[in-house]
Amino acid sequence: MPSKTVTVGSAVGLHARPAAAIAAAAAEQSAPVTLSVEGGEPVDAGSALLIMTLGAGNGATVVVESEDEAAVAAIAALVEADLDAE
């Protein structure tokens, strides 16, 4: 299954605003996408609440995984972006 390891780019990590943006984008993908941190269970990237349970702060390493390589690329790009920048 395609996966990509990325670093969280949002200054305060994957809290409510970035998690909501990622979840909305994941819900639009053609295949389910999961996110996980080292040693943790994968969570559904389509759920902002589950994304927040990862506890992934700025600079944390997150694995994005899906059967759809384009979905992996799209969600990985969001995880790496500073979604709090205005």
PDB file of N, CA and C in Angstrom:
ATOM      1  N   MET A   1       0.855  -1.171   0.000  1.00  0.00           N
ATOM      2  CA  MET A   1       0.000   0.000   0.000  1.00  0.00           C
ATOM      3  C   MET A   1       0.906   1.240   0.000  1.00  0.00           C
ATOM      4  N   PRO A   2       0.613   2.198  -0.879  1.00  0.00           N
ATOM      5  CA  PRO A   2       1.428   3.408  -0.928  1.00  0.00           C
ATOM      6  C   PRO A   2       1.385   4.177   0.394  1.00  0.00           C
ATOM      7  N   SER A   3       2.541   4.696   0.797  1.00  0.00           N
ATOM      8  CA  SER A   3       2.601   5.514   2.000  1.00  0.00           C
ATOM      9  C   SER A   3       3.708   6.546   1.843  1.00  0.00           C
ATOM     10  N   LYS A   4       3.630   7.566   2.670  1.00  0.00           N
ATOM     11  CA  LYS A   4       4.657   8.601   2.657  1.00  0.00           C
ATOM     12  C   LYS A   4       4.831   9.097   4.083  1.00  0.00           C
ATOM     13  N   THR A   5       6.078   9.240   4.507  1.00  0.00           N
ATOM     14  CA  THR A   5       6.379   9.770   5.822  1.00  0.00           C
ATOM     15  C   THR A   5       6.685  11.254   5.670  1.00  0.00           C
ATOM     16  N   VAL A   6       5.967  12.076   6.441  1.00  0.00           N
ATOM     17  CA  VAL A   6       6.106  13.533   6.338  1.00  0.00           C
ATOM     18  C   VAL A   6       6.250  14.146   7.726  1.00  0.00           C
ATOM     19  N   THR A   7       6.657  15.402   7.746  1.00  0.00           N
ATOM     20  CA  THR A   7       6.808  16.154   8.988  1.00  0.00           C
ATOM     21  C   THR A   7       5.681  17.176   9.090  1.00  0.00           C
ATOM     22  N   VAL A   8       5.061  17.247  10.253  1.00  0.00           N
ATOM     23  CA  VAL A   8       3.961  18.188  10.481  1.00  0.00           C
ATOM     24  C   VAL A   8       4.488  19.616  10.347  1.00  0.00           C
ATOM     25  N   GLY A   9       3.849  20.385   9.481  1.00  0.00           N
ATOM     26  CA  GLY A   9       4.291  21.741   9.211  1.00  0.00           C
ATOM     27  C   GLY A   9       3.570  22.824   9.985  1.00  0.00           C
ATOM     28  N   SER A  10       2.366  22.545  10.462  1.00  0.00           N
ATOM     29  CA  SER A  10       1.615  23.568  11.191  1.00  0.00           C
ATOM     30  C   SER A  10       2.340  23.918  12.490  1.00  0.00           C
ATOM     31  N   ALA A  11       2.439  25.210  12.760  1.00  0.00           N
ATOM     32  CA  ALA A  11       3.211  25.702  13.894  1.00  0.00           C
ATOM     33  C   ALA A  11       2.760  25.115  15.232  1.00  0.00           C
ATOM     34  N   VAL A  12       1.487  24.845  15.379  1.00  0.00           N
ATOM     35  CA  VAL A  12       0.993  24.281  16.637  1.00  0.00           C
ATOM     36  C   VAL A  12       0.563  22.825  16.485  1.00  0.00           C
ATOM     37  N   GLY A  13       0.978  22.194  15.421  1.00  0.00           N
ATOM     38  CA  GLY A  13       0.670  20.783  15.225  1.00  0.00           C
ATOM     39  C   GLY A  13      -0.707  20.544  14.640  1.00  0.00           C
ATOM     40  N   LEU A  14      -1.141  19.304  14.712  1.00  0.00           N
ATOM     41  CA  LEU A  14      -2.420  18.922  14.116  1.00  0.00           C
ATOM     42  C   LEU A  14      -3.553  19.115  15.121  1.00  0.00           C
ATOM     43  N   HIS A  15      -3.848  20.387  15.406  1.00  0.00           N
ATOM     44  CA  HIS A  15      -4.964  20.710  16.291  1.00  0.00           C
ATOM     45  C   HIS A  15      -6.216  20.935  15.432  1.00  0.00           C
ATOM     46  N   ALA A  16      -7.213  21.616  15.956  1.00  0.00           N
ATOM     47  CA  ALA A  16      -8.527  21.685  15.316  1.00  0.00           C
ATOM     48  C   ALA A  16      -8.524  22.202  13.876  1.00  0.00           C
ATOM     49  N   ARG A  17      -7.928  23.354  13.618  1.00  0.00           N
ATOM     50  CA  ARG A  17      -8.003  23.931  12.271  1.00  0.00           C
ATOM     51  C   ARG A  17      -7.283  23.049  11.228  1.00  0.00           C
ATOM     52  N   PRO A  18      -6.024  22.684  11.444  1.00  0.00           N
ATOM     53  CA  PRO A  18      -5.367  21.820  10.447  1.00  0.00           C
ATOM     54  C   PRO A  18      -6.059  20.459  10.323  1.00  0.00           C
ATOM     55  N   ALA A  19      -6.494  19.899  11.447  1.00  0.00           N
ATOM     56  CA  ALA A  19      -7.163  18.598  11.407  1.00  0.00           C
ATOM     57  C   ALA A  19      -8.439  18.669  10.583  1.00  0.00           C
ATOM     58  N   ALA A  20      -9.195  19.754  10.724  1.00  0.00           N
ATOM     59  CA  ALA A  20     -10.434  19.907   9.956  1.00  0.00           C
ATOM     60  C   ALA A  20     -10.138  20.019   8.465  1.00  0.00           C
ATOM     61  N   ALA A  21      -9.102  20.762   8.105  1.00  0.00           N
ATOM     62  CA  ALA A  21      -8.742  20.920   6.692  1.00  0.00           C
ATOM     63  C   ALA A  21      -8.295  19.585   6.093  1.00  0.00           C
ATOM     64  N   ILE A  22      -7.512  18.846   6.846  1.00  0.00           N
ATOM     65  CA  ILE A  22      -7.037  17.540   6.371  1.00  0.00           C
ATOM     66  C   ILE A  22      -8.206  16.566   6.247  1.00  0.00           C
ATOM     67  N   ALA A  23      -9.088  16.549   7.245  1.00  0.00           N
ATOM     68  CA  ALA A  23     -10.238  15.639   7.218  1.00  0.00           C
ATOM     69  C   ALA A  23     -11.151  15.937   6.030  1.00  0.00           C
ATOM     70  N   ALA A  24     -11.374  17.217   5.758  1.00  0.00           N
ATOM     71  CA  ALA A  24     -12.232  17.590   4.626  1.00  0.00           C
ATOM     72  C   ALA A  24     -11.614  17.113   3.314  1.00  0.00           C
ATOM     73  N   ALA A  25     -10.311  17.280   3.165  1.00  0.00           N
ATOM     74  CA  ALA A  25      -9.641  16.834   1.940  1.00  0.00           C
ATOM     75  C   ALA A  25      -9.635  15.312   1.840  1.00  0.00           C
ATOM     76  N   ALA A  26      -9.452  14.637   2.961  1.00  0.00           N
ATOM     77  CA  ALA A  26      -9.427  13.168   2.953  1.00  0.00           C
ATOM     78  C   ALA A  26     -10.787  12.608   2.568  1.00  0.00           C
ATOM     79  N   ALA A  27     -11.853  13.268   2.998  1.00  0.00           N
ATOM     80  CA  ALA A  27     -13.207  12.815   2.678  1.00  0.00           C
ATOM     81  C   ALA A  27     -13.495  12.900   1.181  1.00  0.00           C
ATOM     82  N   GLU A  28     -12.765  13.749   0.468  1.00  0.00           N
ATOM     83  CA  GLU A  28     -12.963  13.910  -0.973  1.00  0.00           C
ATOM     84  C   GLU A  28     -12.146  12.928  -1.814  1.00  0.00           C
ATOM     85  N   GLN A  29     -11.284  12.148  -1.178  1.00  0.00           N
ATOM     86  CA  GLN A  29     -10.425  11.224  -1.916  1.00  0.00           C
ATOM     87  C   GLN A  29     -11.202   9.981  -2.341  1.00  0.00           C
ATOM     88  N   SER A  30     -10.682   9.298  -3.352  1.00  0.00           N
ATOM     89  CA  SER A  30     -11.366   8.123  -3.886  1.00  0.00           C
ATOM     90  C   SER A  30     -11.147   6.862  -3.053  1.00  0.00           C
ATOM     91  N   ALA A  31     -10.211   6.913  -2.116  1.00  0.00           N
ATOM     92  CA  ALA A  31      -9.939   5.762  -1.249  1.00  0.00           C
ATOM     93  C   ALA A  31      -9.673   6.279   0.165  1.00  0.00           C
ATOM     94  N   PRO A  32      -9.955   5.455   1.177  1.00  0.00           N
ATOM     95  CA  PRO A  32      -9.683   5.872   2.554  1.00  0.00           C
ATOM     96  C   PRO A  32      -8.198   6.177   2.751  1.00  0.00           C
ATOM     97  N   VAL A  33      -7.929   7.149   3.610  1.00  0.00           N
ATOM     98  CA  VAL A  33      -6.560   7.547   3.938  1.00  0.00           C
ATOM     99  C   VAL A  33      -6.400   7.427   5.452  1.00  0.00           C
ATOM    100  N   THR A  34      -5.246   6.920   5.896  1.00  0.00           N
ATOM    101  CA  THR A  34      -4.970   6.858   7.326  1.00  0.00           C
ATOM    102  C   THR A  34      -3.713   7.654   7.645  1.00  0.00           C
ATOM    103  N   LEU A  35      -3.647   8.110   8.889  1.00  0.00           N
ATOM    104  CA  LEU A  35      -2.474   8.792   9.420  1.00  0.00           C
ATOM    105  C   LEU A  35      -2.028   8.053  10.664  1.00  0.00           C
ATOM    106  N   SER A  36      -0.723   7.994  10.883  1.00  0.00           N
ATOM    107  CA  SER A  36      -0.218   7.378  12.107  1.00  0.00           C
ATOM    108  C   SER A  36       1.094   8.030  12.511  1.00  0.00           C
ATOM    109  N   VAL A  37       1.369   7.963  13.806  1.00  0.00           N
ATOM    110  CA  VAL A  37       2.653   8.402  14.335  1.00  0.00           C
ATOM    111  C   VAL A  37       3.408   7.149  14.761  1.00  0.00           C
ATOM    112  N   GLU A  38       4.717   7.263  14.898  1.00  0.00           N
ATOM    113  CA  GLU A  38       5.536   6.108  15.248  1.00  0.00           C
ATOM    114  C   GLU A  38       5.022   5.460  16.526  1.00  0.00           C
ATOM    115  N   GLY A  39       4.788   4.159  16.446  1.00  0.00           N
ATOM    116  CA  GLY A  39       4.317   3.408  17.598  1.00  0.00           C
ATOM    117  C   GLY A  39       2.823   3.509  17.843  1.00  0.00           C
ATOM    118  N   GLY A  40       2.108   4.261  17.009  1.00  0.00           N
ATOM    119  CA  GLY A  40       0.673   4.434  17.208  1.00  0.00           C
ATOM    120  C   GLY A  40      -0.142   3.700  16.160  1.00  0.00           C
ATOM    121  N   GLU A  41      -1.400   3.538  16.462  1.00  0.00           N
ATOM    122  CA  GLU A  41      -2.325   2.906  15.531  1.00  0.00           C
ATOM    123  C   GLU A  41      -2.741   3.915  14.466  1.00  0.00           C
ATOM    124  N   PRO A  42      -2.944   3.461  13.234  1.00  0.00           N
ATOM    125  CA  PRO A  42      -3.426   4.383  12.193  1.00  0.00           C
ATOM    126  C   PRO A  42      -4.841   4.861  12.513  1.00  0.00           C
ATOM    127  N   VAL A  43      -5.107   6.130  12.171  1.00  0.00           N
ATOM    128  CA  VAL A  43      -6.453   6.681  12.355  1.00  0.00           C
ATOM    129  C   VAL A  43      -6.988   7.145  11.009  1.00  0.00           C
ATOM    130  N   ASP A  44      -8.293   7.204  10.892  1.00  0.00           N
ATOM    131  CA  ASP A  44      -8.966   7.649   9.676  1.00  0.00           C
ATOM    132  C   ASP A  44      -8.712   9.134   9.470  1.00  0.00           C
ATOM    133  N   ALA A  45      -8.073   9.487   8.365  1.00  0.00           N
ATOM    134  CA  ALA A  45      -7.768  10.891   8.072  1.00  0.00           C
ATOM    135  C   ALA A  45      -9.021  11.689   7.739  1.00  0.00           C
ATOM    136  N   GLY A  46     -10.151  11.028   7.570  1.00  0.00           N
ATOM    137  CA  GLY A  46     -11.401  11.713   7.300  1.00  0.00           C
ATOM    138  C   GLY A  46     -12.092  12.214   8.559  1.00  0.00           C
ATOM    139  N   SER A  47     -11.484  11.985   9.714  1.00  0.00           N
ATOM    140  CA  SER A  47     -12.064  12.412  10.983  1.00  0.00           C
ATOM    141  C   SER A  47     -11.124  13.388  11.687  1.00  0.00           C
ATOM    142  N   ALA A  48     -11.553  14.645  11.813  1.00  0.00           N
ATOM    143  CA  ALA A  48     -10.729  15.641  12.496  1.00  0.00           C
ATOM    144  C   ALA A  48     -10.463  15.232  13.937  1.00  0.00           C
ATOM    145  N   LEU A  49     -11.456  14.679  14.593  1.00  0.00           N
ATOM    146  CA  LEU A  49     -11.291  14.261  15.988  1.00  0.00           C
ATOM    147  C   LEU A  49     -10.210  13.193  16.116  1.00  0.00           C
ATOM    148  N   LEU A  50     -10.242  12.209  15.225  1.00  0.00           N
ATOM    149  CA  LEU A  50      -9.233  11.156  15.285  1.00  0.00           C
ATOM    150  C   LEU A  50      -7.841  11.695  14.957  1.00  0.00           C
ATOM    151  N   ILE A  51      -7.762  12.637  14.025  1.00  0.00           N
ATOM    152  CA  ILE A  51      -6.465  13.246  13.700  1.00  0.00           C
ATOM    153  C   ILE A  51      -5.898  13.927  14.944  1.00  0.00           C
ATOM    154  N   MET A  52      -6.734  14.634  15.683  1.00  0.00           N
ATOM    155  CA  MET A  52      -6.264  15.330  16.884  1.00  0.00           C
ATOM    156  C   MET A  52      -5.782  14.363  17.955  1.00  0.00           C
ATOM    157  N   THR A  53      -6.336  13.127  17.978  1.00  0.00           N
ATOM    158  CA  THR A  53      -5.907  12.154  18.988  1.00  0.00           C
ATOM    159  C   THR A  53      -4.478  11.673  18.753  1.00  0.00           C
ATOM    160  N   LEU A  54      -3.921  11.934  17.569  1.00  0.00           N
ATOM    161  CA  LEU A  54      -2.532  11.535  17.306  1.00  0.00           C
ATOM    162  C   LEU A  54      -1.563  12.301  18.203  1.00  0.00           C
ATOM    163  N   GLY A  55      -1.938  13.505  18.590  1.00  0.00           N
ATOM    164  CA  GLY A  55      -1.053  14.327  19.405  1.00  0.00           C
ATOM    165  C   GLY A  55       0.203  14.752  18.649  1.00  0.00           C
ATOM    166  N   ALA A  56       0.083  14.913  17.346  1.00  0.00           N
ATOM    167  CA  ALA A  56       1.236  15.240  16.506  1.00  0.00           C
ATOM    168  C   ALA A  56       1.484  16.749  16.507  1.00  0.00           C
ATOM    169  N   GLY A  57       2.565  17.157  17.158  1.00  0.00           N
ATOM    170  CA  GLY A  57       2.932  18.565  17.208  1.00  0.00           C
ATOM    171  C   GLY A  57       3.793  18.958  16.024  1.00  0.00           C
ATOM    172  N   ASN A  58       4.149  20.229  15.968  1.00  0.00           N
ATOM    173  CA  ASN A  58       5.025  20.735  14.908  1.00  0.00           C
ATOM    174  C   ASN A  58       6.318  19.937  14.894  1.00  0.00           C
ATOM    175  N   GLY A  59       6.698  19.468  13.719  1.00  0.00           N
ATOM    176  CA  GLY A  59       7.927  18.704  13.569  1.00  0.00           C
ATOM    177  C   GLY A  59       7.774  17.209  13.796  1.00  0.00           C
ATOM    178  N   ALA A  60       6.595  16.773  14.221  1.00  0.00           N
ATOM    179  CA  ALA A  60       6.368  15.335  14.421  1.00  0.00           C
ATOM    180  C   ALA A  60       6.355  14.614  13.077  1.00  0.00           C
ATOM    181  N   THR A  61       6.712  13.350  13.098  1.00  0.00           N
ATOM    182  CA  THR A  61       6.714  12.530  11.896  1.00  0.00           C
ATOM    183  C   THR A  61       5.396  11.769  11.815  1.00  0.00           C
ATOM    184  N   VAL A  62       4.732  11.875  10.667  1.00  0.00           N
ATOM    185  CA  VAL A  62       3.440  11.223  10.453  1.00  0.00           C
ATOM    186  C   VAL A  62       3.517  10.398   9.175  1.00  0.00           C
ATOM    187  N   VAL A  63       2.951   9.199   9.211  1.00  0.00           N
ATOM    188  CA  VAL A  63       2.876   8.348   8.026  1.00  0.00           C
ATOM    189  C   VAL A  63       1.482   8.455   7.438  1.00  0.00           C
ATOM    190  N   VAL A  64       1.417   8.812   6.162  1.00  0.00           N
ATOM    191  CA  VAL A  64       0.159   8.918   5.422  1.00  0.00           C
ATOM    192  C   VAL A  64       0.069   7.679   4.545  1.00  0.00           C
ATOM    193  N   GLU A  65      -1.065   6.972   4.598  1.00  0.00           N
ATOM    194  CA  GLU A  65      -1.187   5.719   3.856  1.00  0.00           C
ATOM    195  C   GLU A  65      -2.570   5.596   3.214  1.00  0.00           C
ATOM    196  N   SER A  66      -2.594   5.072   1.989  1.00  0.00           N
ATOM    197  CA  SER A  66      -3.843   4.841   1.267  1.00  0.00           C
ATOM    198  C   SER A  66      -3.554   3.914   0.095  1.00  0.00           C
ATOM    199  N   GLU A  67      -4.599   3.289  -0.413  1.00  0.00           N
ATOM    200  CA  GLU A  67      -4.440   2.473  -1.617  1.00  0.00           C
ATOM    201  C   GLU A  67      -4.293   3.351  -2.855  1.00  0.00           C
ATOM    202  N   ASP A  68      -4.680   4.619  -2.749  1.00  0.00           N
ATOM    203  CA  ASP A  68      -4.619   5.569  -3.852  1.00  0.00           C
ATOM    204  C   ASP A  68      -3.398   6.479  -3.672  1.00  0.00           C
ATOM    205  N   GLU A  69      -2.435   6.352  -4.566  1.00  0.00           N
ATOM    206  CA  GLU A  69      -1.199   7.127  -4.447  1.00  0.00           C
ATOM    207  C   GLU A  69      -1.441   8.635  -4.531  1.00  0.00           C
ATOM    208  N   ALA A  70      -2.415   9.043  -5.345  1.00  0.00           N
ATOM    209  CA  ALA A  70      -2.747  10.468  -5.446  1.00  0.00           C
ATOM    210  C   ALA A  70      -3.310  10.985  -4.123  1.00  0.00           C
ATOM    211  N   ALA A  71      -4.081  10.163  -3.433  1.00  0.00           N
ATOM    212  CA  ALA A  71      -4.628  10.551  -2.134  1.00  0.00           C
ATOM    213  C   ALA A  71      -3.510  10.717  -1.117  1.00  0.00           C
ATOM    214  N   VAL A  72      -2.536   9.818  -1.151  1.00  0.00           N
ATOM    215  CA  VAL A  72      -1.381   9.919  -0.253  1.00  0.00           C
ATOM    216  C   VAL A  72      -0.671  11.249  -0.497  1.00  0.00           C
ATOM    217  N   ALA A  73      -0.426  11.575  -1.753  1.00  0.00           N
ATOM    218  CA  ALA A  73       0.281  12.807  -2.089  1.00  0.00           C
ATOM    219  C   ALA A  73      -0.497  14.037  -1.638  1.00  0.00           C
ATOM    220  N   ALA A  74      -1.805  14.040  -1.862  1.00  0.00           N
ATOM    221  CA  ALA A  74      -2.636  15.199  -1.511  1.00  0.00           C
ATOM    222  C   ALA A  74      -2.666  15.426   0.002  1.00  0.00           C
ATOM    223  N   ILE A  75      -2.871  14.377   0.751  1.00  0.00           N
ATOM    224  CA  ILE A  75      -2.967  14.520   2.211  1.00  0.00           C
ATOM    225  C   ILE A  75      -1.594  14.780   2.813  1.00  0.00           C
ATOM    226  N   ALA A  76      -0.561  14.143   2.286  1.00  0.00           N
ATOM    227  CA  ALA A  76       0.798  14.391   2.772  1.00  0.00           C
ATOM    228  C   ALA A  76       1.170  15.858   2.607  1.00  0.00           C
ATOM    229  N   ALA A  77       0.787  16.448   1.495  1.00  0.00           N
ATOM    230  CA  ALA A  77       1.086  17.866   1.256  1.00  0.00           C
ATOM    231  C   ALA A  77       0.401  18.750   2.294  1.00  0.00           C
ATOM    232  N   LEU A  78      -0.814  18.402   2.677  1.00  0.00           N
ATOM    233  CA  LEU A  78      -1.521  19.182   3.698  1.00  0.00           C
ATOM    234  C   LEU A  78      -0.875  19.030   5.068  1.00  0.00           C
ATOM    235  N   VAL A  79      -0.452  17.816   5.414  1.00  0.00           N
ATOM    236  CA  VAL A  79       0.192  17.592   6.707  1.00  0.00           C
ATOM    237  C   VAL A  79       1.485  18.410   6.791  1.00  0.00           C
ATOM    238  N   GLU A  80       2.210  18.495   5.683  1.00  0.00           N
ATOM    239  CA  GLU A  80       3.475  19.240   5.653  1.00  0.00           C
ATOM    240  C   GLU A  80       3.289  20.753   5.638  1.00  0.00           C
ATOM    241  N   ALA A  81       2.124  21.211   5.202  1.00  0.00           N
ATOM    242  CA  ALA A  81       1.876  22.656   5.079  1.00  0.00           C
ATOM    243  C   ALA A  81       1.599  23.292   6.435  1.00  0.00           C
ATOM    244  N   ASP A  82       1.897  24.590   6.549  1.00  0.00           N
ATOM    245  CA  ASP A  82       1.531  25.324   7.753  1.00  0.00           C
ATOM    246  C   ASP A  82       0.111  25.836   7.544  1.00  0.00           C
ATOM    247  N   LEU A  83      -0.847  25.044   7.950  1.00  0.00           N
ATOM    248  CA  LEU A  83      -2.253  25.367   7.725  1.00  0.00           C
ATOM    249  C   LEU A  83      -2.757  26.470   8.647  1.00  0.00           C
ATOM    250  N   ASP A  84      -1.905  26.947   9.550  1.00  0.00           N
ATOM    251  CA  ASP A  84      -2.276  28.054  10.422  1.00  0.00           C
ATOM    252  C   ASP A  84      -1.763  29.381   9.888  1.00  0.00           C
ATOM    253  N   ALA A  85      -0.938  29.350   8.856  1.00  0.00           N
ATOM    254  CA  ALA A  85      -0.387  30.588   8.294  1.00  0.00           C
ATOM    255  C   ALA A  85      -1.510  31.384   7.635  1.00  0.00           C
ATOM    256  N   GLU A  86      -1.466  32.667   7.798  1.00  0.00           N
ATOM    257  CA  GLU A  86      -2.523  33.490   7.215  1.00  0.00           C
ATOM    258  C   GLU A  86      -2.003  34.382   6.143  1.00  0.00           C
TER     259      GLU A  86
END
